[in-house]
Amino acid sequence: KQWYQRRIRGDISAEEAAPPPTTIDEGPEVKFKLVYNKQNYEIVMGENRTVRELKDHIETLTKLPRPMQKLMFKGLVKDETKTLKDLKLAKNSKMMLVGTKGRRKTGEKA
């Protein structure tokens, strides 16, 4: 409450005035490789993070929008609410990413 009152008075900046972040138990970290477009990315995330959060992170790395991403790990990963632990993603596992950054126009060659 105190940070809010200081923000109202203009004593502190908006960044300082932001409420404290909510902490999420990410669990132990899991380190794995992601392969996309013949490039390897090393990813380290908490095993309690969801596939959706992983895809958001992948978007920042590859600029590939989340709806265009298809993750392959022991088959196609469809459920974005599953955690990395649910996928049984182990240390040094390899995950494949399939996707296209844009659609081709009809009749356009690859």
Protein backbone atom coordinates (compact mmCIF):
# COMPACT_ATOMS: atom_id res chain seq x y z
CA LYS A 1 0.00 0.00 0.00
CA GLN A 2 2.85 2.32 0.81
CA TRP A 3 4.34 2.03 -2.70
CA TYR A 4 0.91 2.94 -4.14
CA GLN A 5 0.62 6.08 -2.03
CA ARG A 6 4.14 7.16 -3.01
CA ARG A 7 3.24 6.64 -6.69
CA ILE A 8 0.08 8.75 -6.35
CA ARG A 9 2.12 11.61 -4.86
CA GLY A 10 4.69 11.25 -7.66
CA ASP A 11 7.58 10.46 -5.28
CA ILE A 12 8.71 7.45 -7.31
CA SER A 13 8.72 6.32 -10.93
CA ALA A 14 6.25 3.84 -12.42
CA GLU A 15 8.93 1.11 -12.45
CA GLU A 16 9.62 1.55 -8.75
CA ALA A 17 5.91 1.76 -8.03
CA ALA A 18 5.06 -1.59 -9.56
CA PRO A 19 3.80 -4.10 -7.01
CA PRO A 20 6.29 -6.79 -6.03
CA PRO A 21 6.31 -9.66 -8.54
CA THR A 22 4.44 -12.81 -7.70
CA THR A 23 6.84 -15.66 -7.26
CA ILE A 24 6.05 -18.92 -9.02
CA ASP A 25 7.70 -22.13 -7.94
CA GLU A 26 9.46 -23.02 -11.16
CA GLY A 27 10.88 -26.19 -9.65
CA PRO A 28 14.31 -27.54 -10.48
CA GLU A 29 15.82 -26.32 -13.72
CA VAL A 30 15.90 -28.55 -16.76
CA LYS A 31 18.41 -27.91 -19.53
CA PHE A 32 17.63 -29.13 -23.04
CA LYS A 33 18.31 -28.43 -26.70
CA LEU A 34 15.86 -27.01 -29.18
CA VAL A 35 16.54 -27.52 -32.88
CA TYR A 36 14.96 -25.12 -35.38
CA ASN A 37 16.03 -24.29 -38.92
CA LYS A 38 19.33 -26.18 -38.54
CA GLN A 39 20.19 -24.11 -35.47
CA ASN A 40 20.58 -25.39 -31.92
CA TYR A 41 19.30 -23.38 -28.98
CA GLU A 42 20.14 -24.32 -25.41
CA ILE A 43 17.20 -23.71 -23.12
CA VAL A 44 17.17 -23.69 -19.33
CA MET A 45 13.77 -23.43 -17.63
CA GLY A 46 12.12 -24.56 -14.44
CA GLU A 47 10.36 -27.89 -14.87
CA ASN A 48 7.09 -26.43 -13.54
CA ARG A 49 6.86 -23.99 -16.47
CA THR A 50 4.16 -24.68 -19.06
CA VAL A 51 4.50 -25.42 -22.75
CA ARG A 52 2.85 -22.06 -23.41
CA GLU A 53 5.58 -20.28 -21.42
CA LEU A 54 8.18 -22.27 -23.35
CA LYS A 55 6.62 -21.23 -26.65
CA ASP A 56 6.61 -17.59 -25.53
CA HIS A 57 10.32 -17.90 -24.75
CA ILE A 58 10.95 -19.59 -28.10
CA GLU A 59 9.20 -16.69 -29.83
CA THR A 60 11.71 -14.27 -28.30
CA LEU A 61 14.59 -16.45 -29.52
CA THR A 62 13.40 -17.28 -33.03
CA LYS A 63 10.86 -14.53 -33.81
CA LEU A 64 8.48 -17.35 -34.80
CA PRO A 65 4.96 -16.50 -33.50
CA ARG A 66 3.58 -18.96 -30.96
CA PRO A 67 0.57 -19.99 -33.13
CA MET A 68 2.98 -21.02 -35.91
CA GLN A 69 5.10 -23.23 -33.63
CA LYS A 70 4.85 -27.01 -33.54
CA LEU A 71 6.99 -28.67 -30.90
CA MET A 72 8.08 -32.27 -31.33
CA PHE A 73 9.18 -34.25 -28.30
CA LYS A 74 8.21 -37.91 -28.20
CA GLY A 75 5.55 -36.91 -30.72
CA LEU A 76 3.70 -33.65 -31.28
CA VAL A 77 3.23 -31.54 -28.15
CA LYS A 78 -0.36 -30.29 -28.40
CA ASP A 79 -1.39 -29.36 -24.86
CA GLU A 80 0.06 -25.95 -23.93
CA THR A 81 -1.07 -26.30 -20.31
CA LYS A 82 1.27 -29.22 -19.61
CA THR A 83 4.45 -28.54 -17.69
CA LEU A 84 7.92 -29.51 -18.81
CA LYS A 85 7.84 -32.08 -16.02
CA ASP A 86 4.63 -33.57 -17.47
CA LEU A 87 6.45 -33.99 -20.79
CA LYS A 88 9.18 -35.91 -18.94
CA LEU A 89 11.75 -33.55 -20.39
CA ALA A 90 15.08 -34.70 -18.99
CA LYS A 91 18.48 -33.05 -18.86
CA ASN A 92 20.09 -32.82 -22.31
CA SER A 93 16.91 -33.89 -24.12
CA LYS A 94 16.40 -32.72 -27.68
CA MET A 95 13.21 -31.00 -28.83
CA MET A 96 12.41 -30.13 -32.44
CA LEU A 97 10.56 -26.99 -33.52
CA VAL A 98 8.70 -26.92 -36.81
CA GLY A 99 7.10 -23.75 -38.13
CA THR A 100 7.12 -21.07 -40.77
CA LYS A 101 7.46 -17.35 -40.21
CA GLY A 102 5.06 -16.43 -43.00
CA ARG A 103 2.71 -17.94 -45.51
CA ARG A 104 3.49 -18.12 -49.20
CA LYS A 105 1.14 -16.62 -51.73
CA THR A 106 -0.68 -19.02 -54.02
CA GLY A 107 1.61 -20.01 -56.88
CA GLU A 108 4.78 -18.71 -55.20
CA LYS A 109 7.71 -21.12 -55.35
CA ALA A 110 9.79 -22.08 -52.34
